[in-house]
Structures are given as structure tokens and as C-alpha cells.
Protein backbone atom coordinates (compact mmCIF):
# COMPACT_ATOMS: atom_id res chain seq x y z
CA MET A 1 54.65 -7.40 -41.49
CA CYS A 2 54.13 -4.35 -39.33
CA LEU A 3 56.48 -4.23 -36.35
CA ARG A 4 53.69 -3.27 -33.96
CA LYS A 5 51.54 -6.23 -34.98
CA ARG A 6 54.49 -8.64 -34.76
CA ASN A 7 55.33 -7.51 -31.20
CA GLY A 8 51.71 -8.18 -30.09
CA TYR A 9 50.69 -4.59 -30.19
CA ARG A 10 46.95 -3.91 -30.17
CA PRO A 11 45.33 -0.57 -30.84
CA PRO A 12 44.32 1.09 -27.57
CA ASP A 13 40.71 1.51 -28.72
CA LEU A 14 40.19 -2.29 -28.67
CA LEU A 15 41.91 -3.02 -25.37
CA HIS A 16 39.13 -1.70 -23.24
CA ALA A 17 36.11 -2.34 -25.46
CA GLU A 18 33.17 -3.02 -23.19
CA ILE A 19 30.67 -5.65 -24.10
CA TYR A 20 27.22 -4.84 -22.75
CA THR A 21 25.41 -7.86 -21.39
CA GLY A 22 22.80 -6.23 -19.19
CA PRO A 23 19.14 -5.60 -19.98
CA VAL A 24 18.42 -3.39 -22.93
CA GLU A 25 16.44 -0.26 -22.23
CA ALA A 26 13.32 0.19 -24.24
CA GLU A 27 14.10 3.83 -25.15
CA ARG A 28 17.30 2.89 -26.96
CA GLY A 29 15.13 2.08 -29.99
CA GLY A 30 15.09 -0.68 -32.55
CA GLU A 31 13.46 -3.21 -30.16
CA GLY A 32 10.09 -4.78 -30.80
CA MET A 33 8.01 -7.29 -29.01
CA GLY A 34 10.29 -10.29 -28.51
CA GLY A 35 12.91 -8.82 -30.89
CA GLY A 36 16.53 -7.84 -30.40
CA HIS A 37 18.36 -4.51 -30.07
CA THR A 38 21.33 -3.59 -32.23
CA GLU A 39 23.84 -0.96 -31.11
CA THR A 40 26.55 0.30 -33.44
CA SER A 41 29.43 2.48 -32.24
CA ALA A 42 32.17 3.89 -34.43
CA LEU A 43 35.69 3.81 -33.01
CA SER A 44 38.48 5.74 -34.60
CA GLY A 45 41.70 3.84 -34.81
CA THR A 46 45.05 4.46 -36.43
CA GLY A 47 44.07 2.60 -39.53
CA GLY A 48 40.93 4.62 -40.16
CA GLY A 49 37.32 4.41 -38.96
CA ARG A 50 36.25 1.03 -37.69
CA ALA A 51 32.81 -0.05 -36.52
CA ILE A 52 31.93 -2.63 -33.88
CA THR A 53 28.40 -3.94 -33.89
CA THR A 54 27.07 -5.52 -30.72
CA THR A 55 23.68 -7.26 -30.77
CA HIS A 56 21.72 -7.80 -27.59
CA ASN A 57 18.58 -9.88 -27.29
CA SER A 58 16.28 -8.74 -24.54
CA GLN A 59 14.95 -12.26 -24.11
CA ARG A 60 18.36 -13.89 -23.83
CA PRO A 61 19.56 -14.62 -20.28
CA ASN A 62 22.64 -12.87 -18.94
CA ALA A 63 26.06 -14.15 -19.88
CA CYS A 64 27.59 -17.00 -17.94
CA CYS A 65 29.09 -16.06 -14.58
CA PHE A 66 32.20 -18.16 -15.10
CA CYS A 67 33.32 -16.63 -18.41
CA TRP A 68 33.55 -13.04 -19.53
CA CYS A 69 32.34 -13.67 -23.07
CA CYS A 70 28.74 -13.51 -24.16
CA CYS A 71 28.81 -16.69 -26.24
CA CYS A 72 27.11 -18.87 -23.65
CA SER A 73 24.34 -18.62 -21.13
CA CYS A 74 23.88 -20.00 -17.66
CA LEU A 75 21.72 -23.02 -18.16
CA TRP A 76 22.03 -23.93 -14.52
CA ASN A 77 20.67 -20.54 -13.55
CA GLU A 78 17.61 -20.70 -15.75
CA GLU A 79 14.35 -21.13 -13.96
CA GLU A 80 12.69 -24.44 -14.58
CA PRO A 81 9.66 -24.06 -16.82
CA ARG A 82 6.51 -23.86 -14.86
CA LYS A 83 4.70 -27.13 -14.90
CA ARG A 84 1.09 -26.97 -15.87
CA PRO A 85 -1.13 -28.14 -13.09
CA LYS A 86 -2.49 -31.54 -13.88
CA SER A 87 -6.13 -31.26 -14.61
CA LYS A 88 -8.26 -33.63 -12.71
CA ARG A 89 -9.12 -36.41 -15.02
CA THR A 90 -12.80 -36.61 -15.47
CA SER A 91 -13.62 -40.17 -15.44
CA GLN A 92 -15.88 -41.13 -18.30
CA ASP A 93 -17.05 -44.04 -16.17
CA THR A 94 -19.51 -42.30 -13.89
CA LYS A 95 -19.94 -44.05 -10.61
CA MET A 96 -23.47 -45.33 -10.61
CA GLU A 97 -25.64 -45.35 -7.60
CA THR A 98 -26.27 -48.96 -6.77
CA ILE A 99 -28.69 -50.69 -4.48
CA PRO A 100 -26.76 -51.08 -1.19
CA ASN A 101 -27.91 -54.59 -0.44
CA CYS A 102 -28.53 -57.44 -2.85
CA GLU A 103 -31.63 -59.52 -2.75
CA PRO A 104 -31.89 -61.88 0.20
CA PHE A 105 -31.07 -65.42 -0.79
CA THR A 106 -29.80 -68.68 0.61
CA GLU A 107 -26.47 -70.15 -0.39
CA PRO A 108 -26.99 -71.87 -3.75
CA SER A 109 -26.19 -75.54 -4.11
CA VAL A 110 -24.00 -76.97 -6.85
CA GLU A 111 -27.10 -78.28 -8.60
CA GLU A 112 -28.65 -74.80 -8.62
CA MET A 113 -25.50 -73.22 -10.00
CA ARG A 114 -25.33 -75.82 -12.75
CA LEU A 115 -28.92 -75.01 -13.70
CA TRP A 116 -27.83 -71.42 -14.37
CA SER A 117 -25.86 -72.60 -17.38
CA GLN A 118 -28.84 -74.43 -18.86
CA SER A 119 -30.91 -71.33 -19.60
CA PHE A 120 -30.98 -67.63 -18.88
CA ASP A 121 -34.51 -67.92 -17.53
CA LYS A 122 -33.38 -70.31 -14.80
CA LEU A 123 -30.61 -67.91 -13.83
CA MET A 124 -32.96 -64.92 -13.62
CA ARG A 125 -35.62 -66.82 -11.67
CA ASN A 126 -33.11 -67.67 -8.94
CA PRO A 127 -32.37 -64.84 -6.42
CA ALA A 128 -28.82 -66.09 -5.86
CA GLY A 129 -28.30 -66.35 -9.61
CA ARG A 130 -29.51 -62.79 -10.14
CA ASN A 131 -27.11 -61.50 -7.50
CA VAL A 132 -24.13 -63.32 -8.97
CA PHE A 133 -25.05 -62.19 -12.47
CA ARG A 134 -25.43 -58.64 -11.20
CA GLU A 135 -21.91 -58.77 -9.76
CA PHE A 136 -20.66 -59.86 -13.17
CA LEU A 137 -22.51 -57.02 -14.90
CA ARG A 138 -20.86 -54.58 -12.51
CA THR A 139 -17.43 -55.67 -13.79
CA GLU A 140 -18.62 -54.86 -17.31
CA TYR A 141 -20.10 -51.48 -16.28
CA SER A 142 -23.61 -52.58 -17.28
CA GLU A 143 -25.17 -53.12 -13.86
CA GLU A 144 -27.87 -50.62 -14.75
CA ASN A 145 -29.53 -53.26 -16.94
CA MET A 146 -30.18 -55.54 -13.97
CA LEU A 147 -31.18 -52.62 -11.74
CA PHE A 148 -33.70 -51.45 -14.33
CA TRP A 149 -35.14 -54.95 -14.71
CA LEU A 150 -35.50 -55.32 -10.92
CA ALA A 151 -37.15 -51.89 -10.65
CA CYS A 152 -39.68 -52.87 -13.32
CA GLU A 153 -40.42 -56.11 -11.46
CA ASP A 154 -40.98 -54.13 -8.28
CA LEU A 155 -43.31 -51.72 -10.12
CA LYS A 156 -45.45 -54.62 -11.35
CA GLN A 157 -46.16 -55.66 -7.76
CA GLU A 158 -47.44 -52.19 -6.79
CA ILE A 159 -51.20 -51.66 -6.59
CA ASN A 160 -51.40 -48.20 -5.01
CA LYS A 161 -51.94 -45.58 -7.71
CA GLY A 162 -49.90 -42.89 -5.99
CA ALA A 163 -47.00 -45.28 -5.41
CA VAL A 164 -47.19 -46.46 -9.02
CA GLU A 165 -46.87 -42.89 -10.32
CA GLU A 166 -43.99 -42.13 -7.97
CA LYS A 167 -42.05 -45.30 -8.83
CA ALA A 168 -42.72 -44.95 -12.55
CA ARG A 169 -41.36 -41.42 -12.67
CA SER A 170 -38.37 -42.46 -10.59
CA ILE A 171 -37.62 -45.28 -13.03
CA TYR A 172 -37.94 -42.87 -15.94
CA GLU A 173 -35.52 -40.38 -14.41
CA ASP A 174 -33.01 -43.05 -13.38
CA TYR A 175 -32.94 -45.30 -16.44
CA ILE A 176 -34.79 -43.73 -19.38
CA SER A 177 -33.76 -40.07 -19.28
CA ILE A 178 -30.80 -39.25 -21.52
CA LEU A 179 -29.42 -37.08 -18.70
CA SER A 180 -29.07 -40.01 -16.32
CA PRO A 181 -25.68 -41.76 -15.90
CA LYS A 182 -27.64 -45.01 -15.53
CA GLU A 183 -29.51 -44.70 -18.83
CA VAL A 184 -30.22 -48.07 -20.42
CA SER A 185 -29.93 -48.71 -24.15
CA LEU A 186 -33.33 -48.63 -25.82
CA ASP A 187 -34.38 -48.08 -29.41
CA ALA A 188 -36.44 -45.14 -30.59
CA ARG A 189 -39.68 -47.11 -30.91
CA VAL A 190 -39.63 -48.24 -27.28
CA ARG A 191 -38.73 -44.76 -26.08
CA GLU A 192 -41.67 -43.30 -27.97
CA VAL A 193 -44.03 -45.81 -26.34
CA ILE A 194 -42.68 -44.97 -22.89
CA ASN A 195 -43.04 -41.22 -23.46
CA LYS A 196 -46.72 -41.75 -24.19
CA LYS A 197 -47.41 -44.13 -21.32
CA ILE A 198 -45.55 -42.09 -18.72
CA GLN A 199 -48.27 -39.42 -18.91
CA GLU A 200 -50.58 -41.84 -17.09
CA PRO A 201 -48.25 -44.51 -15.68
CA THR A 202 -49.38 -48.01 -14.76
CA PRO A 203 -47.54 -51.01 -13.32
CA HIS A 204 -46.88 -52.14 -16.91
CA THR A 205 -45.62 -48.87 -18.35
CA PHE A 206 -42.10 -50.21 -18.97
CA GLU A 207 -42.97 -53.72 -20.18
CA ASP A 208 -41.58 -53.19 -23.69
CA ALA A 209 -38.40 -51.64 -22.33
CA GLN A 210 -37.99 -54.38 -19.73
CA LEU A 211 -38.30 -57.08 -22.39
CA GLN A 212 -35.73 -55.35 -24.59
CA ILE A 213 -33.20 -55.10 -21.75
CA TYR A 214 -33.87 -58.72 -20.77
CA THR A 215 -33.13 -59.80 -24.33
CA LEU A 216 -29.98 -57.68 -24.39
CA MET A 217 -28.64 -59.31 -21.22
CA HIS A 218 -29.55 -62.76 -22.55
CA ARG A 219 -27.81 -62.36 -25.89
CA ASP A 220 -24.89 -60.15 -24.93
CA SER A 221 -23.90 -60.63 -21.28
CA TYR A 222 -25.11 -64.11 -20.42
CA PRO A 223 -22.64 -66.04 -22.65
CA ARG A 224 -19.70 -64.11 -21.17
CA PHE A 225 -21.01 -64.74 -17.67
CA LEU A 226 -20.91 -68.52 -18.17
CA SER A 227 -17.23 -68.34 -19.13
CA SER A 228 -16.31 -65.77 -16.48
CA SER A 229 -14.06 -66.42 -13.50
CA ILE A 230 -16.87 -65.33 -11.16
CA TYR A 231 -19.17 -68.16 -12.20
CA LYS A 232 -16.44 -70.79 -12.62
CA SER A 233 -14.90 -70.08 -9.22
CA MET A 234 -18.29 -70.44 -7.52
CA LEU A 235 -19.06 -73.64 -9.40
CA HIS A 236 -15.69 -75.24 -8.68
CA GLY A 237 -15.70 -74.03 -5.09
CA GLY A 238 -19.13 -75.53 -4.51
CA SER A 239 -18.07 -78.79 -6.13
CA ARG A 240 -15.05 -79.13 -3.82
CA THR A 241 -17.20 -78.37 -0.76
CA SER A 242 -19.80 -80.98 -1.65
CA SER A 243 -17.16 -83.61 -2.39
CA GLU A 244 -15.38 -82.97 0.91
CA SER A 245 -18.60 -83.37 2.89
């Protein structure tokens, strides 16, 4: 073994070798977009020519402050990734414009509320029943069906031609137009009939559509209403009140 190596001797050219950890200048060459830069320097030692290759990455953060080597990076000094601003969630459930006040009605008796379960017609003929059923439809996001039915009933009572035309077009825009958030579900045949009748509207322009929505509420929503907590709580609450009195 060489005496110099055994005594811990190191060639002077390696004692003060500088390791570059700063930013790499663009003009030094060999660097592309997002790539690294390689610098090779030849050092002449006693044992012949020797080359040290140092690779710097322009995207790599500077070396750690607490060690002189370039094998680690300051994770604590890295900037936190920018958080994307949360986009405002567009609710698919568009808030529908609703009639502010329900129909005027007197407090229903237990007998009246029990009649609601006998047939859908008895429920819809009762103002209190319609209001309670409407509240239930609101929980199922289908209140527009009741609103459309009530608007058609109101149109049937109108006799003034100007008022009929105004109300008919308002109903069309609110419940028939595909651009309306309160559009009711109608088949193509009924829509075609409405598009013809709306040219010269009458109090009965929406009769076919009203019947279709009435049937939809009867078959689809009415059974769920009878088993809902809204109806049961009213029925049981009324029963307790009548028994206490």
C-alpha cells in the first residue's frame, strides 16, 4: 500500500473541490426546458488525468442548509403547492320560484285527513289536503307539478280574453318551455297539442297537460305521501288532540 494513502494523504486537487449548488445559467449550454445541466472539469493529479462530473438540475431546490452535501433538499423550505380555488358548486337543484302563500284553508279535522287516504281525488279537492301534499312534493323536488295544476285551474276560471292570453303565455314560459327550471314532464304528443293551441290560447289550452300531470302525481307521488312522515305526523297529532278534548 502506498505510504501517502496509508497516512491519510489526499491529493491537493480534491481537497478544495467546489460543488456548485446555485442556479445554472442558461448560457452554459446543455440545458433544455425542464432538463438538467452537466458540467465536466478535468483535474490533473499525480496519478494522471482525472475527471469529475457534476450534474445540476435547474428545477431542483438548493441543497439543505444544515449539510454541505447536495444529496438532500430542504423540504421544510419548499413552498406549499398552490391550492386551486374551489369552484363554486353549481347546484343542479335549481331553486324554484314558489307561490309565497299557500291556499287559504281551515285546520283540517281528523276525519278530513283520513279521507285523504281513501282517494287522490278527495285529497286534491280539499284545500288543506292540497297544501299538505304540496309541502310533501317540495321535499321530493317536484312541487312544480302542483303549481302547474293550480295555475291551470286558475286559468279555467278566467273569462277576460286579454287575461287568458297573458296567463296562458305565463304558464307556457314557466312550466312548458324547456328553458324553464320549473318545466313539467310531458310527452311529445301533449307538447305538440299545446304548441298548436298556444297560438290562440283559451281557458282550456292546457287541459291535456293538466290531466297528464294529475295522473303522474296520483300514480307516482300520492302513494309515497300516504306513507310519509308529514302525513302520519299530522294524522297522529290530530288524533291525540281530538282524544284529549
